[in-house]
Protein backbone atom coordinates (compact mmCIF):
# COMPACT_ATOMS: atom_id res chain seq x y z
CA MET A 1 -36.60 12.41 26.88
CA VAL A 2 -35.44 15.22 23.91
CA ASP A 3 -32.90 14.02 22.40
CA LYS A 4 -31.96 15.97 19.41
CA ALA A 5 -33.39 18.92 17.30
CA GLU A 6 -32.66 20.66 13.84
CA ALA A 7 -34.49 23.42 12.14
CA ASP A 8 -34.49 25.44 9.34
CA SER A 9 -36.12 28.26 7.53
CA ASP A 10 -39.81 26.99 8.22
CA LYS A 11 -39.28 23.11 9.63
CA VAL A 12 -38.06 21.46 12.83
CA VAL A 13 -37.28 18.46 13.58
CA GLN A 14 -36.80 16.74 16.77
CA ASP A 15 -36.51 12.76 17.87
CA VAL A 16 -38.41 12.24 21.03
CA GLU A 17 -38.32 8.50 23.12
CA VAL A 18 -41.99 7.70 24.41
CA PRO A 19 -41.20 7.40 28.54
CA ASN A 20 -44.47 6.40 30.49
CA SER A 21 -44.59 3.31 30.82
CA LEU A 22 -48.62 2.76 29.21
CA GLY A 23 -46.43 3.88 25.87
CA LEU A 24 -48.67 5.91 23.51
CA HIS A 25 -52.00 4.78 24.50
CA ALA A 26 -55.40 6.64 23.56
CA ARG A 27 -55.90 8.77 26.08
CA PRO A 28 -52.19 10.10 25.52
CA ALA A 29 -52.85 10.29 21.84
CA MET A 30 -55.58 12.28 22.25
CA GLN A 31 -53.89 14.33 23.99
CA LEU A 32 -51.41 15.08 21.55
CA VAL A 33 -53.75 15.60 18.61
CA ASP A 34 -55.78 18.11 20.69
CA LEU A 35 -52.31 19.64 20.83
CA ALA A 36 -51.35 19.10 17.39
CA ASN A 37 -54.56 20.86 16.43
CA ARG A 38 -53.29 24.13 18.31
CA PHE A 39 -50.80 25.02 15.53
CA THR A 40 -51.46 25.97 11.91
CA ALA A 41 -48.28 23.90 10.92
CA GLU A 42 -48.43 20.82 9.30
CA ILE A 43 -47.06 18.35 11.81
CA GLU A 44 -46.18 14.47 11.37
CA ILE A 45 -44.98 11.80 13.70
CA SER A 46 -42.90 8.97 12.35
CA LYS A 47 -41.58 5.55 13.44
CA ALA A 48 -39.02 3.68 11.92
CA GLY A 49 -40.49 5.29 8.19
CA GLN A 50 -43.63 5.04 9.29
CA ARG A 51 -45.23 8.79 8.69
CA VAL A 52 -48.67 10.32 10.04
CA ASP A 53 -49.93 13.15 10.32
CA ALA A 54 -50.27 14.21 13.86
CA LYS A 55 -53.92 16.21 13.85
CA SER A 56 -54.88 12.47 12.86
CA ILE A 57 -56.24 10.40 16.14
CA MET A 58 -56.83 7.79 14.29
CA GLN A 59 -53.67 8.32 12.14
CA VAL A 60 -51.40 8.77 15.25
CA MET A 61 -53.06 5.48 17.36
CA THR A 62 -51.37 3.26 14.76
CA LEU A 63 -47.97 3.81 15.76
CA ALA A 64 -48.48 1.61 18.51
CA ALA A 65 -45.61 3.41 20.35
CA THR A 66 -44.96 1.98 23.16
CA GLN A 67 -42.54 3.08 26.60
CA GLY A 68 -38.62 3.96 24.64
CA THR A 69 -40.20 4.17 21.07
CA LYS A 70 -38.31 6.59 19.94
CA LEU A 71 -40.10 8.86 17.51
CA THR A 72 -39.76 11.79 15.13
CA LEU A 73 -41.70 14.84 14.99
CA THR A 74 -41.74 17.08 12.32
CA ALA A 75 -43.22 20.35 11.48
CA ARG A 76 -43.35 22.91 8.84
CA GLY A 77 -45.08 26.30 8.73
CA ASP A 78 -45.27 29.37 10.92
CA ASP A 79 -45.04 27.92 14.49
CA ALA A 80 -43.60 24.79 13.50
CA ALA A 81 -40.69 25.53 16.54
CA GLN A 82 -43.28 26.11 18.91
CA ALA A 83 -45.48 22.80 17.87
CA VAL A 84 -42.84 20.33 18.23
CA SER A 85 -41.52 21.83 21.32
CA ALA A 86 -44.87 21.89 22.89
CA LEU A 87 -45.56 18.01 21.91
CA ALA A 88 -41.62 16.79 22.74
CA GLY A 89 -42.08 18.66 26.23
CA LEU A 90 -45.97 17.01 26.47
CA ILE A 91 -43.71 13.26 25.40
CA ALA A 92 -41.34 13.98 27.61
CA GLU A 93 -43.37 14.52 30.47
CA GLY A 94 -45.16 10.80 29.77
CA PHE A 95 -48.42 12.85 29.11
CA GLY A 96 -48.82 13.55 32.59
CA GLU A 97 -49.34 10.08 33.97
CA GLU A 98 -45.91 9.38 35.88
């Protein structure tokens, strides 16, 4: 579920909520990291003040995002809008699990 999005010249921010019942466990975390690494933009995911690099599986796993967790996607760079859109879509679809 996508809550809001905002953008300036090269920074895009979008809030999302983890919909799948198992949350952001290892397989969907890897899907997210693989997708993030397709873009040149710097991408961060944050939860309650904790910020991690979306291109690092170890960092993404530290989020321990369960179902209903609100995450903020932030990207900076030439393809920031495309990156945030793709990641938000993957999350909104429940990582193909449900």
